[in-house]
Amino acid sequence: MKRRDFSLTAAVALAAPLLPLSAQAQAATPKEGKDYHKLTKPVNTDAPAGKIEVLEFFWYSCGHCHTFEPLFNSWSKAAPANLVVRRVPVAFNASFVPAQKLYYALEGLGKVEPLHARVFRAIHVEKQKLAKDEDIMAWVAKQPELDLAKFKEMYQSFTVANQVRRVTQLQEAYNVEGTPSMGVAGRYYTDGTLAGSLQAMLQVVNHLASLKA
C-alpha cells in the first residue's frame, strides 16, 4: 500500500525470482535518486557494533506486503551474518495502530513464526477483517499457539505502546512513502517503485548493505 500506488502487479513481483549474487554483480549498479534515496539526516539504529540494520516497513492489510512476505522471509533467512533484519509495522493513520500492536504482541510472546504469515493469510486469502481490537481478539482466540489472556495482556502493555511510538518515529525519519519498503543502515531508503519491482528492491538492499560492510 502506498500514498502513491506501486507501478507493478503481484504477478510481476512473483514472476521475477531473486537473482543470484553472480547475476547481481553483472546487473547495473543501483543509483541514488533513482533506485534508492539517501537520507538527509541519518537515523540512529539498534544494531550492535559491526552490524548493519535492515528494516522492512509493512502493513498487514497491504496486498503488496502479502505478496512480498515469502520472498522477504526467504531473503532474510539467507542474509549475511552482519545484517540485523527487522520488520517494522507502519501506520499512516490511527486506524493502522491495532495492526501494529498485533505484530508487536506476537513478537513479545515469541510467536511471530508461524503466526506472522498466518495473519497475512487470514486477511488476504480468507478475507477476514483484522482492523479493530475486537477483530484481532476473535482471531487470536482461534489460534492454538496463543493464550488469549496472555496475548491481551501483551497487546495492551506499556512495552507494545512504546514500540508503536518508536516505529512512528522511524517511519517519519525514513520518510516512508508506502509499503513494502526498506531502510538500510539508518542511511538509505528504497521501495518497489524506486527499484522497479519487489525482487529488485532486495537487490538494491544487498547493494546498500555492501556499501556499509
N, C-alpha and C. Protein backbone atom coordinates (compact mmCIF):
# COMPACT_ATOMS: atom_id res chain seq x y z
N MET A 1 0.84 -1.18 0.00
CA MET A 1 0.00 0.00 0.00
C MET A 1 0.88 1.23 0.00
N LYS A 2 0.55 2.19 -0.86
CA LYS A 2 1.34 3.39 -0.95
C LYS A 2 0.45 4.62 -0.97
N ARG A 3 1.03 5.74 -0.54
CA ARG A 3 0.35 7.01 -0.77
C ARG A 3 0.28 7.23 -2.28
N ARG A 4 1.33 6.75 -2.98
CA ARG A 4 1.27 6.66 -4.44
C ARG A 4 1.38 5.18 -4.77
N ASP A 5 0.53 4.66 -5.63
CA ASP A 5 0.47 3.22 -5.88
C ASP A 5 1.74 2.71 -6.54
N PHE A 6 2.13 1.48 -6.15
CA PHE A 6 3.24 0.82 -6.84
C PHE A 6 2.86 0.60 -8.30
N SER A 7 3.82 0.80 -9.19
CA SER A 7 3.58 0.57 -10.61
C SER A 7 3.98 -0.85 -10.97
N LEU A 8 3.42 -1.85 -10.24
CA LEU A 8 3.69 -3.24 -10.53
C LEU A 8 2.52 -4.05 -10.02
N THR A 9 2.46 -5.30 -10.47
CA THR A 9 1.40 -6.18 -10.01
C THR A 9 2.00 -7.31 -9.22
N ALA A 10 1.17 -8.00 -8.45
CA ALA A 10 1.65 -9.13 -7.68
C ALA A 10 2.24 -10.19 -8.60
N ALA A 11 1.64 -10.37 -9.76
CA ALA A 11 2.13 -11.38 -10.69
C ALA A 11 3.55 -11.07 -11.15
N VAL A 12 3.81 -9.79 -11.44
CA VAL A 12 5.15 -9.41 -11.86
C VAL A 12 6.14 -9.64 -10.74
N ALA A 13 5.75 -9.27 -9.53
CA ALA A 13 6.66 -9.40 -8.38
C ALA A 13 7.03 -10.85 -8.14
N LEU A 14 6.09 -11.76 -8.30
CA LEU A 14 6.37 -13.16 -8.05
C LEU A 14 7.07 -13.83 -9.22
N ALA A 15 6.87 -13.29 -10.41
CA ALA A 15 7.44 -13.92 -11.60
C ALA A 15 8.94 -13.67 -11.72
N ALA A 16 9.46 -12.65 -10.99
CA ALA A 16 10.87 -12.33 -11.10
C ALA A 16 11.61 -12.82 -9.88
N PRO A 17 12.23 -14.02 -9.96
CA PRO A 17 12.93 -14.57 -8.80
C PRO A 17 14.16 -13.74 -8.46
N LEU A 18 14.56 -13.79 -7.20
CA LEU A 18 15.73 -13.05 -6.77
C LEU A 18 16.97 -13.59 -7.47
N LEU A 19 17.73 -12.70 -8.10
CA LEU A 19 18.90 -13.12 -8.85
C LEU A 19 20.00 -13.57 -7.93
N PRO A 20 20.79 -14.57 -8.35
CA PRO A 20 21.96 -14.96 -7.55
C PRO A 20 22.96 -13.83 -7.52
N LEU A 21 23.90 -13.87 -6.57
CA LEU A 21 24.87 -12.79 -6.41
C LEU A 21 25.69 -12.57 -7.68
N SER A 22 26.01 -13.65 -8.40
CA SER A 22 26.81 -13.50 -9.62
C SER A 22 26.06 -12.69 -10.66
N ALA A 23 24.75 -12.92 -10.75
CA ALA A 23 23.94 -12.17 -11.72
C ALA A 23 23.77 -10.73 -11.27
N GLN A 24 23.65 -10.53 -9.94
CA GLN A 24 23.52 -9.17 -9.43
C GLN A 24 24.76 -8.35 -9.76
N ALA A 25 25.92 -9.00 -9.68
CA ALA A 25 27.16 -8.29 -9.94
C ALA A 25 27.22 -7.78 -11.37
N GLN A 26 26.56 -8.52 -12.28
CA GLN A 26 26.57 -8.14 -13.68
C GLN A 26 25.49 -7.10 -14.00
N ALA A 27 24.53 -6.95 -13.10
CA ALA A 27 23.45 -6.00 -13.34
C ALA A 27 23.95 -4.58 -13.10
N ALA A 28 23.18 -3.62 -13.57
CA ALA A 28 23.55 -2.22 -13.38
C ALA A 28 23.56 -1.88 -11.90
N THR A 29 24.56 -1.13 -11.48
CA THR A 29 24.67 -0.73 -10.09
C THR A 29 23.53 0.23 -9.74
N PRO A 30 22.79 -0.04 -8.65
CA PRO A 30 21.70 0.87 -8.27
C PRO A 30 22.21 2.29 -8.09
N LYS A 31 21.37 3.25 -8.48
CA LYS A 31 21.78 4.65 -8.45
C LYS A 31 20.95 5.44 -7.44
N GLU A 32 21.65 6.28 -6.69
CA GLU A 32 20.98 7.16 -5.73
C GLU A 32 20.06 8.12 -6.47
N GLY A 33 18.87 8.29 -5.95
CA GLY A 33 17.89 9.18 -6.57
C GLY A 33 17.00 8.48 -7.57
N LYS A 34 17.45 7.32 -8.06
CA LYS A 34 16.66 6.52 -8.98
C LYS A 34 16.16 5.25 -8.31
N ASP A 35 17.07 4.45 -7.78
CA ASP A 35 16.72 3.17 -7.17
C ASP A 35 16.57 3.27 -5.65
N TYR A 36 17.12 4.31 -5.07
CA TYR A 36 17.03 4.50 -3.63
C TYR A 36 17.29 5.96 -3.29
N HIS A 37 16.93 6.34 -2.07
CA HIS A 37 17.23 7.68 -1.57
C HIS A 37 18.22 7.58 -0.42
N LYS A 38 19.13 8.51 -0.35
CA LYS A 38 19.99 8.65 0.82
C LYS A 38 19.35 9.66 1.75
N LEU A 39 19.18 9.31 3.01
CA LEU A 39 18.51 10.20 3.96
C LEU A 39 19.35 11.44 4.20
N THR A 40 18.68 12.57 4.29
CA THR A 40 19.40 13.82 4.55
C THR A 40 19.93 13.85 5.98
N LYS A 41 19.24 13.15 6.87
CA LYS A 41 19.67 13.06 8.27
C LYS A 41 19.72 11.59 8.67
N PRO A 42 20.90 11.06 8.98
CA PRO A 42 20.99 9.64 9.36
C PRO A 42 20.13 9.32 10.58
N VAL A 43 19.64 8.09 10.63
CA VAL A 43 18.77 7.62 11.70
C VAL A 43 19.58 6.73 12.64
N ASN A 44 19.44 6.92 13.93
CA ASN A 44 20.09 6.03 14.88
C ASN A 44 19.52 4.62 14.74
N THR A 45 20.39 3.62 14.76
CA THR A 45 19.94 2.24 14.63
C THR A 45 20.15 1.49 15.95
N ASP A 46 19.50 0.33 16.05
CA ASP A 46 19.64 -0.52 17.22
C ASP A 46 20.60 -1.68 16.99
N ALA A 47 21.30 -1.65 15.87
CA ALA A 47 22.21 -2.75 15.54
C ALA A 47 23.47 -2.67 16.40
N PRO A 48 23.98 -3.81 16.86
CA PRO A 48 25.24 -3.82 17.61
C PRO A 48 26.40 -3.33 16.74
N ALA A 49 27.49 -2.97 17.38
CA ALA A 49 28.68 -2.53 16.65
C ALA A 49 29.11 -3.58 15.64
N GLY A 50 29.42 -3.14 14.43
CA GLY A 50 29.85 -4.06 13.39
C GLY A 50 28.72 -4.70 12.61
N LYS A 51 27.47 -4.40 13.00
CA LYS A 51 26.30 -4.96 12.32
C LYS A 51 25.57 -3.86 11.54
N ILE A 52 24.83 -4.27 10.53
CA ILE A 52 24.07 -3.34 9.68
C ILE A 52 22.59 -3.63 9.85
N GLU A 53 21.83 -2.63 10.23
CA GLU A 53 20.40 -2.80 10.43
C GLU A 53 19.64 -2.64 9.11
N VAL A 54 18.78 -3.61 8.82
CA VAL A 54 17.91 -3.56 7.65
C VAL A 54 16.47 -3.67 8.12
N LEU A 55 15.64 -2.73 7.73
CA LEU A 55 14.25 -2.68 8.17
C LEU A 55 13.31 -2.93 7.01
N GLU A 56 12.29 -3.75 7.25
CA GLU A 56 11.20 -3.90 6.29
C GLU A 56 9.97 -3.20 6.86
N PHE A 57 9.50 -2.17 6.18
CA PHE A 57 8.29 -1.46 6.57
C PHE A 57 7.10 -2.14 5.89
N PHE A 58 6.11 -2.56 6.69
CA PHE A 58 4.98 -3.30 6.13
C PHE A 58 3.68 -2.92 6.84
N TRP A 59 2.58 -3.37 6.25
CA TRP A 59 1.25 -3.24 6.84
C TRP A 59 0.50 -4.52 6.51
N TYR A 60 -0.13 -5.12 7.52
CA TYR A 60 -0.79 -6.40 7.29
C TYR A 60 -1.87 -6.35 6.21
N SER A 61 -2.56 -5.24 6.06
CA SER A 61 -3.65 -5.18 5.08
C SER A 61 -3.18 -4.77 3.69
N CYS A 62 -1.87 -4.63 3.51
CA CYS A 62 -1.30 -4.26 2.22
C CYS A 62 -1.13 -5.50 1.34
N GLY A 63 -1.76 -5.50 0.16
CA GLY A 63 -1.67 -6.64 -0.74
C GLY A 63 -0.26 -6.89 -1.23
N HIS A 64 0.51 -5.82 -1.50
CA HIS A 64 1.89 -5.99 -1.94
C HIS A 64 2.74 -6.59 -0.83
N CYS A 65 2.44 -6.24 0.42
CA CYS A 65 3.19 -6.82 1.55
C CYS A 65 2.92 -8.32 1.66
N HIS A 66 1.67 -8.71 1.41
CA HIS A 66 1.33 -10.14 1.40
C HIS A 66 2.12 -10.86 0.31
N THR A 67 2.21 -10.25 -0.86
CA THR A 67 2.98 -10.83 -1.96
C THR A 67 4.47 -10.92 -1.61
N PHE A 68 4.96 -9.89 -0.96
CA PHE A 68 6.39 -9.77 -0.66
C PHE A 68 6.84 -10.68 0.47
N GLU A 69 5.95 -11.03 1.40
CA GLU A 69 6.34 -11.73 2.62
C GLU A 69 7.16 -13.00 2.37
N PRO A 70 6.72 -13.94 1.52
CA PRO A 70 7.54 -15.15 1.34
C PRO A 70 8.90 -14.85 0.73
N LEU A 71 8.97 -13.89 -0.17
CA LEU A 71 10.24 -13.50 -0.77
C LEU A 71 11.16 -12.89 0.28
N PHE A 72 10.61 -11.98 1.07
CA PHE A 72 11.39 -11.34 2.13
C PHE A 72 11.83 -12.36 3.18
N ASN A 73 10.94 -13.26 3.54
CA ASN A 73 11.25 -14.26 4.55
C ASN A 73 12.43 -15.14 4.11
N SER A 74 12.39 -15.57 2.85
CA SER A 74 13.49 -16.39 2.32
C SER A 74 14.80 -15.59 2.29
N TRP A 75 14.70 -14.34 1.85
CA TRP A 75 15.89 -13.49 1.78
C TRP A 75 16.48 -13.27 3.17
N SER A 76 15.64 -12.97 4.15
CA SER A 76 16.12 -12.66 5.49
C SER A 76 16.80 -13.86 6.14
N LYS A 77 16.29 -15.06 5.87
CA LYS A 77 16.89 -16.26 6.45
C LYS A 77 18.26 -16.56 5.86
N ALA A 78 18.49 -16.08 4.63
CA ALA A 78 19.78 -16.31 3.97
C ALA A 78 20.69 -15.09 4.03
N ALA A 79 20.26 -14.05 4.75
CA ALA A 79 21.03 -12.80 4.81
C ALA A 79 22.37 -13.03 5.49
N PRO A 80 23.40 -12.29 5.09
CA PRO A 80 24.71 -12.41 5.73
C PRO A 80 24.63 -12.17 7.24
N ALA A 81 25.57 -12.73 7.95
CA ALA A 81 25.55 -12.66 9.42
C ALA A 81 25.72 -11.25 9.95
N ASN A 82 26.26 -10.33 9.13
CA ASN A 82 26.46 -8.97 9.62
C ASN A 82 25.21 -8.10 9.48
N LEU A 83 24.12 -8.67 8.96
CA LEU A 83 22.87 -7.91 8.85
C LEU A 83 21.95 -8.25 10.01
N VAL A 84 21.35 -7.22 10.59
CA VAL A 84 20.31 -7.37 11.60
C VAL A 84 18.99 -6.95 10.94
N VAL A 85 18.14 -7.92 10.65
CA VAL A 85 16.92 -7.68 9.86
C VAL A 85 15.73 -7.60 10.80
N ARG A 86 14.95 -6.55 10.65
CA ARG A 86 13.78 -6.34 11.49
C ARG A 86 12.57 -5.95 10.65
N ARG A 87 11.40 -6.43 11.05
CA ARG A 87 10.15 -5.98 10.44
C ARG A 87 9.62 -4.79 11.23
N VAL A 88 9.03 -3.82 10.52
CA VAL A 88 8.51 -2.62 11.16
C VAL A 88 7.09 -2.36 10.64
N PRO A 89 6.06 -2.59 11.45
CA PRO A 89 4.68 -2.31 11.02
C PRO A 89 4.40 -0.81 11.07
N VAL A 90 3.95 -0.25 9.97
CA VAL A 90 3.78 1.20 9.89
C VAL A 90 2.32 1.61 10.13
N ALA A 91 2.13 2.92 10.30
CA ALA A 91 0.78 3.47 10.43
C ALA A 91 0.73 4.81 9.72
N PHE A 92 -0.14 4.91 8.71
CA PHE A 92 -0.34 6.18 8.03
C PHE A 92 -1.51 6.97 8.63
N ASN A 93 -2.27 6.31 9.50
CA ASN A 93 -3.28 7.00 10.29
C ASN A 93 -3.62 6.10 11.48
N ALA A 94 -4.47 6.59 12.36
CA ALA A 94 -4.76 5.90 13.62
C ALA A 94 -5.38 4.51 13.42
N SER A 95 -6.04 4.30 12.28
CA SER A 95 -6.70 3.01 12.05
C SER A 95 -5.70 1.86 11.88
N PHE A 96 -4.42 2.20 11.63
CA PHE A 96 -3.39 1.18 11.45
C PHE A 96 -2.85 0.66 12.79
N VAL A 97 -3.08 1.38 13.87
CA VAL A 97 -2.44 1.06 15.15
C VAL A 97 -2.76 -0.35 15.65
N PRO A 98 -4.02 -0.84 15.56
CA PRO A 98 -4.26 -2.22 16.01
C PRO A 98 -3.37 -3.24 15.31
N ALA A 99 -3.10 -3.06 14.03
CA ALA A 99 -2.23 -3.99 13.30
C ALA A 99 -0.80 -3.90 13.82
N GLN A 100 -0.35 -2.70 14.17
CA GLN A 100 0.98 -2.56 14.76
C GLN A 100 1.05 -3.31 16.09
N LYS A 101 0.03 -3.12 16.90
CA LYS A 101 0.00 -3.78 18.21
C LYS A 101 -0.08 -5.30 18.07
N LEU A 102 -0.79 -5.77 17.05
CA LEU A 102 -0.87 -7.21 16.79
C LEU A 102 0.52 -7.77 16.54
N TYR A 103 1.29 -7.11 15.67
CA TYR A 103 2.63 -7.61 15.37
C TYR A 103 3.51 -7.62 16.61
N TYR A 104 3.52 -6.51 17.34
CA TYR A 104 4.42 -6.43 18.49
C TYR A 104 3.98 -7.33 19.64
N ALA A 105 2.69 -7.62 19.74
CA ALA A 105 2.24 -8.59 20.73
C ALA A 105 2.73 -9.99 20.36
N LEU A 106 2.65 -10.34 19.08
CA LEU A 106 3.17 -11.63 18.63
C LEU A 106 4.68 -11.71 18.88
N GLU A 107 5.38 -10.63 18.59
CA GLU A 107 6.82 -10.61 18.79
C GLU A 107 7.15 -10.76 20.28
N GLY A 108 6.43 -10.03 21.13
CA GLY A 108 6.67 -10.08 22.56
C GLY A 108 6.44 -11.45 23.16
N LEU A 109 5.53 -12.22 22.54
CA LEU A 109 5.23 -13.57 23.02
C LEU A 109 6.09 -14.63 22.33
N GLY A 110 6.96 -14.20 21.43
CA GLY A 110 7.79 -15.15 20.70
C GLY A 110 7.01 -15.99 19.71
N LYS A 111 5.96 -15.39 19.11
CA LYS A 111 5.07 -16.16 18.23
C LYS A 111 5.00 -15.61 16.80
N VAL A 112 5.99 -14.81 16.42
CA VAL A 112 5.97 -14.28 15.05
C VAL A 112 5.97 -15.41 14.03
N GLU A 113 6.79 -16.43 14.28
CA GLU A 113 6.75 -17.63 13.43
C GLU A 113 5.92 -18.69 14.13
N PRO A 114 4.88 -19.25 13.48
CA PRO A 114 4.45 -19.05 12.10
C PRO A 114 3.29 -18.07 11.95
N LEU A 115 2.95 -17.34 13.02
CA LEU A 115 1.70 -16.57 13.01
C LEU A 115 1.73 -15.31 12.15
N HIS A 116 2.92 -14.77 11.91
CA HIS A 116 3.02 -13.58 11.06
C HIS A 116 2.43 -13.87 9.67
N ALA A 117 2.88 -14.95 9.05
CA ALA A 117 2.36 -15.33 7.74
C ALA A 117 0.87 -15.68 7.81
N ARG A 118 0.46 -16.24 8.93
CA ARG A 118 -0.95 -16.62 9.09
C ARG A 118 -1.86 -15.39 9.16
N VAL A 119 -1.36 -14.29 9.72
CA VAL A 119 -2.15 -13.05 9.73
C VAL A 119 -2.39 -12.59 8.30
N PHE A 120 -1.32 -12.58 7.49
CA PHE A 120 -1.48 -12.20 6.08
C PHE A 120 -2.51 -13.10 5.39
N ARG A 121 -2.42 -14.39 5.64
CA ARG A 121 -3.35 -15.33 5.00
C ARG A 121 -4.79 -15.05 5.44
N ALA A 122 -4.97 -14.81 6.72
CA ALA A 122 -6.32 -14.53 7.23
C ALA A 122 -6.94 -13.34 6.52
N ILE A 123 -6.15 -12.30 6.32
CA ILE A 123 -6.67 -11.06 5.71
C ILE A 123 -6.84 -11.20 4.20
N HIS A 124 -5.83 -11.72 3.52
CA HIS A 124 -5.81 -11.65 2.05
C HIS A 124 -6.35 -12.89 1.36
N VAL A 125 -6.35 -14.03 2.03
CA VAL A 125 -6.87 -15.26 1.42
C VAL A 125 -8.23 -15.61 2.01
N GLU A 126 -8.31 -15.59 3.34
CA GLU A 126 -9.56 -15.95 4.00
C GLU A 126 -10.52 -14.77 4.12
N LYS A 127 -10.06 -13.57 3.76
CA LYS A 127 -10.88 -12.34 3.72
C LYS A 127 -11.48 -11.98 5.09
N GLN A 128 -10.69 -12.22 6.13
CA GLN A 128 -11.10 -11.80 7.46
C GLN A 128 -10.68 -10.36 7.69
N LYS A 129 -11.45 -9.66 8.50
CA LYS A 129 -11.12 -8.28 8.84
C LYS A 129 -10.44 -8.28 10.21
N LEU A 130 -9.17 -7.86 10.21
CA LEU A 130 -8.42 -7.78 11.46
C LEU A 130 -7.97 -6.34 11.68
N ALA A 131 -8.90 -5.42 11.56
CA ALA A 131 -8.58 -4.00 11.62
C ALA A 131 -8.85 -3.38 12.98
N LYS A 132 -9.65 -4.04 13.82
CA LYS A 132 -10.03 -3.48 15.11
C LYS A 132 -9.64 -4.43 16.23
N ASP A 133 -9.56 -3.89 17.44
CA ASP A 133 -9.17 -4.70 18.60
C ASP A 133 -10.02 -5.95 18.72
N GLU A 134 -11.34 -5.79 18.61
CA GLU A 134 -12.22 -6.94 18.80
C GLU A 134 -12.06 -7.99 17.70
N ASP A 135 -11.75 -7.54 16.48
CA ASP A 135 -11.50 -8.48 15.38
C ASP A 135 -10.24 -9.30 15.67
N ILE A 136 -9.22 -8.62 16.13
CA ILE A 136 -7.94 -9.28 16.42
C ILE A 136 -8.10 -10.29 17.55
N MET A 137 -8.83 -9.91 18.61
CA MET A 137 -9.01 -10.82 19.74
C MET A 137 -9.80 -12.06 19.33
N ALA A 138 -10.78 -11.88 18.46
CA ALA A 138 -11.57 -13.02 17.99
C ALA A 138 -10.71 -13.97 17.19
N TRP A 139 -9.80 -13.42 16.38
CA TRP A 139 -8.88 -14.25 15.59
C TRP A 139 -7.88 -14.97 16.51
N VAL A 140 -7.33 -14.23 17.46
CA VAL A 140 -6.35 -14.81 18.39
C VAL A 140 -6.96 -15.98 19.15
N ALA A 141 -8.21 -15.86 19.55
CA ALA A 141 -8.87 -16.91 20.33
C ALA A 141 -8.93 -18.23 19.58
N LYS A 142 -8.80 -18.19 18.25
CA LYS A 142 -8.89 -19.40 17.43
C LYS A 142 -7.51 -20.00 17.11
N GLN A 143 -6.44 -19.34 17.56
CA GLN A 143 -5.10 -19.82 17.24
C GLN A 143 -4.58 -20.70 18.38
N PRO A 144 -4.31 -21.98 18.11
CA PRO A 144 -3.91 -22.90 19.19
C PRO A 144 -2.59 -22.53 19.86
N GLU A 145 -1.74 -21.77 19.15
CA GLU A 145 -0.45 -21.40 19.74
C GLU A 145 -0.56 -20.24 20.74
N LEU A 146 -1.72 -19.61 20.80
CA LEU A 146 -1.86 -18.40 21.61
C LEU A 146 -2.82 -18.60 22.77
N ASP A 147 -2.47 -18.02 23.90
CA ASP A 147 -3.37 -17.92 25.05
C ASP A 147 -3.97 -16.52 25.01
N LEU A 148 -5.29 -16.43 24.90
CA LEU A 148 -5.95 -15.14 24.69
C LEU A 148 -5.63 -14.16 25.82
N ALA A 149 -5.67 -14.62 27.06
CA ALA A 149 -5.41 -13.72 28.19
C ALA A 149 -3.99 -13.16 28.14
N LYS A 150 -3.02 -14.02 27.83
CA LYS A 150 -1.63 -13.57 27.75
C LYS A 150 -1.44 -12.63 26.57
N PHE A 151 -2.09 -12.95 25.45
CA PHE A 151 -1.98 -12.09 24.28
C PHE A 151 -2.56 -10.72 24.59
N LYS A 152 -3.74 -10.68 25.20
CA LYS A 152 -4.39 -9.41 25.51
C LYS A 152 -3.53 -8.57 26.45
N GLU A 153 -2.91 -9.22 27.42
CA GLU A 153 -2.02 -8.51 28.34
C GLU A 153 -0.85 -7.88 27.60
N MET A 154 -0.25 -8.65 26.69
CA MET A 154 0.87 -8.12 25.90
C MET A 154 0.40 -7.02 24.96
N TYR A 155 -0.73 -7.22 24.31
CA TYR A 155 -1.29 -6.27 23.34
C TYR A 155 -1.53 -4.91 23.99
N GLN A 156 -1.95 -4.93 25.26
CA GLN A 156 -2.29 -3.70 25.98
C GLN A 156 -1.13 -3.18 26.83
N SER A 157 0.04 -3.79 26.70
CA SER A 157 1.16 -3.48 27.58
C SER A 157 1.84 -2.16 27.24
N PHE A 158 2.54 -1.64 28.24
CA PHE A 158 3.36 -0.43 28.08
C PHE A 158 4.46 -0.69 27.06
N THR A 159 5.01 -1.90 27.05
CA THR A 159 6.08 -2.27 26.12
C THR A 159 5.63 -2.12 24.68
N VAL A 160 4.46 -2.67 24.35
CA VAL A 160 3.93 -2.58 22.99
C VAL A 160 3.61 -1.13 22.64
N ALA A 161 3.04 -0.38 23.57
CA ALA A 161 2.74 1.03 23.31
C ALA A 161 4.01 1.81 23.00
N ASN A 162 5.09 1.51 23.71
CA ASN A 162 6.36 2.17 23.45
C ASN A 162 6.91 1.81 22.08
N GLN A 163 6.75 0.54 21.69
CA GLN A 163 7.22 0.11 20.38
C GLN A 163 6.46 0.82 19.27
N VAL A 164 5.18 1.00 19.45
CA VAL A 164 4.37 1.72 18.46
C VAL A 164 4.85 3.16 18.33
N ARG A 165 5.15 3.80 19.46
CA ARG A 165 5.67 5.18 19.40
C ARG A 165 7.03 5.22 18.71
N ARG A 166 7.86 4.24 19.00
CA ARG A 166 9.20 4.19 18.39
C ARG A 166 9.13 4.02 16.88
N VAL A 167 8.25 3.15 16.41
CA VAL A 167 8.20 2.92 14.96
C VAL A 167 7.59 4.11 14.23
N THR A 168 6.75 4.87 14.90
CA THR A 168 6.23 6.10 14.31
C THR A 168 7.38 7.06 14.03
N GLN A 169 8.31 7.15 14.96
CA GLN A 169 9.49 7.98 14.76
C GLN A 169 10.36 7.45 13.63
N LEU A 170 10.53 6.13 13.57
CA LEU A 170 11.32 5.53 12.50
C LEU A 170 10.69 5.79 11.13
N GLN A 171 9.39 5.61 11.05
CA GLN A 171 8.67 5.82 9.80
C GLN A 171 8.86 7.24 9.30
N GLU A 172 8.77 8.20 10.21
CA GLU A 172 8.95 9.59 9.84
C GLU A 172 10.40 9.88 9.46
N ALA A 173 11.34 9.31 10.20
CA ALA A 173 12.75 9.56 9.93
C ALA A 173 13.16 9.03 8.56
N TYR A 174 12.60 7.89 8.16
CA TYR A 174 12.90 7.30 6.86
C TYR A 174 12.02 7.87 5.75
N ASN A 175 11.06 8.72 6.13
CA ASN A 175 10.11 9.28 5.16
C ASN A 175 9.47 8.18 4.32
N VAL A 176 8.91 7.19 5.03
CA VAL A 176 8.30 6.04 4.37
C VAL A 176 7.10 6.49 3.55
N GLU A 177 7.12 6.18 2.26
CA GLU A 177 6.07 6.60 1.35
C GLU A 177 5.01 5.52 1.14
N GLY A 178 5.30 4.30 1.52
CA GLY A 178 4.34 3.22 1.32
C GLY A 178 4.94 1.90 1.74
N THR A 179 4.19 0.85 1.51
CA THR A 179 4.64 -0.48 1.91
C THR A 179 4.44 -1.47 0.76
N PRO A 180 5.31 -2.52 0.69
CA PRO A 180 6.50 -2.71 1.50
C PRO A 180 7.63 -1.80 1.03
N SER A 181 8.48 -1.41 1.96
CA SER A 181 9.65 -0.61 1.66
C SER A 181 10.73 -0.99 2.65
N MET A 182 11.96 -0.51 2.42
CA MET A 182 13.06 -0.97 3.26
C MET A 182 14.03 0.16 3.57
N GLY A 183 14.56 0.11 4.78
CA GLY A 183 15.59 1.05 5.21
C GLY A 183 16.86 0.29 5.52
N VAL A 184 17.99 0.90 5.21
CA VAL A 184 19.29 0.23 5.38
C VAL A 184 20.25 1.14 6.13
N ALA A 185 20.77 0.62 7.24
CA ALA A 185 21.87 1.24 7.98
C ALA A 185 21.56 2.64 8.51
N GLY A 186 20.29 2.98 8.61
CA GLY A 186 19.94 4.31 9.07
C GLY A 186 20.28 5.40 8.08
N ARG A 187 20.57 5.02 6.84
CA ARG A 187 21.03 5.98 5.84
C ARG A 187 20.29 5.93 4.51
N TYR A 188 19.69 4.78 4.19
CA TYR A 188 19.13 4.62 2.86
C TYR A 188 17.70 4.10 2.92
N TYR A 189 16.91 4.48 1.89
CA TYR A 189 15.51 4.05 1.78
C TYR A 189 15.24 3.62 0.35
N THR A 190 14.52 2.51 0.19
CA THR A 190 14.10 2.07 -1.14
C THR A 190 12.74 1.40 -1.05
N ASP A 191 12.07 1.31 -2.17
CA ASP A 191 10.79 0.59 -2.24
C ASP A 191 10.62 0.01 -3.63
N GLY A 192 9.49 -0.66 -3.85
CA GLY A 192 9.26 -1.33 -5.13
C GLY A 192 9.15 -0.38 -6.31
N THR A 193 8.63 0.81 -6.07
CA THR A 193 8.52 1.78 -7.15
C THR A 193 9.88 2.30 -7.56
N LEU A 194 10.70 2.65 -6.59
CA LEU A 194 12.04 3.15 -6.90
C LEU A 194 12.88 2.07 -7.58
N ALA A 195 12.87 0.87 -7.00
CA ALA A 195 13.72 -0.21 -7.50
C ALA A 195 13.18 -0.83 -8.79
N GLY A 196 11.86 -0.76 -9.02
CA GLY A 196 11.26 -1.32 -10.22
C GLY A 196 10.44 -2.56 -9.98
N SER A 197 10.70 -3.27 -8.88
CA SER A 197 9.92 -4.45 -8.51
C SER A 197 10.28 -4.81 -7.08
N LEU A 198 9.50 -5.70 -6.50
CA LEU A 198 9.79 -6.14 -5.14
C LEU A 198 11.09 -6.94 -5.09
N GLN A 199 11.30 -7.77 -6.10
CA GLN A 199 12.54 -8.55 -6.17
C GLN A 199 13.74 -7.63 -6.32
N ALA A 200 13.61 -6.60 -7.17
CA ALA A 200 14.72 -5.66 -7.38
C ALA A 200 14.99 -4.86 -6.11
N MET A 201 13.96 -4.61 -5.32
CA MET A 201 14.16 -3.89 -4.06
C MET A 201 15.17 -4.61 -3.17
N LEU A 202 15.08 -5.94 -3.10
CA LEU A 202 16.02 -6.70 -2.30
C LEU A 202 17.43 -6.65 -2.87
N GLN A 203 17.54 -6.59 -4.19
CA GLN A 203 18.86 -6.45 -4.81
C GLN A 203 19.48 -5.10 -4.47
N VAL A 204 18.64 -4.06 -4.44
CA VAL A 204 19.12 -2.74 -4.04
C VAL A 204 19.59 -2.78 -2.59
N VAL A 205 18.81 -3.45 -1.73
CA VAL A 205 19.19 -3.57 -0.32
C VAL A 205 20.54 -4.29 -0.19
N ASN A 206 20.73 -5.36 -0.94
CA ASN A 206 22.01 -6.07 -0.93
C ASN A 206 23.17 -5.13 -1.28
N HIS A 207 22.93 -4.30 -2.29
CA HIS A 207 23.96 -3.34 -2.70
C HIS A 207 24.24 -2.33 -1.61
N LEU A 208 23.17 -1.77 -1.02
CA LEU A 208 23.34 -0.74 0.02
C LEU A 208 24.04 -1.31 1.25
N ALA A 209 23.70 -2.55 1.59
CA ALA A 209 24.36 -3.19 2.73
C ALA A 209 25.83 -3.40 2.45
N SER A 210 26.18 -3.67 1.22
CA SER A 210 27.59 -3.88 0.87
C SER A 210 28.38 -2.58 1.00
N LEU A 211 27.71 -1.45 0.82
CA LEU A 211 28.39 -0.15 0.95
C LEU A 211 28.83 0.08 2.39
N LYS A 212 28.07 -0.50 3.33
CA LYS A 212 28.36 -0.30 4.75
C LYS A 212 29.18 -1.43 5.35
N ALA A 213 29.43 -2.47 4.56
CA ALA A 213 30.15 -3.64 5.10
C ALA A 213 31.61 -3.30 5.43
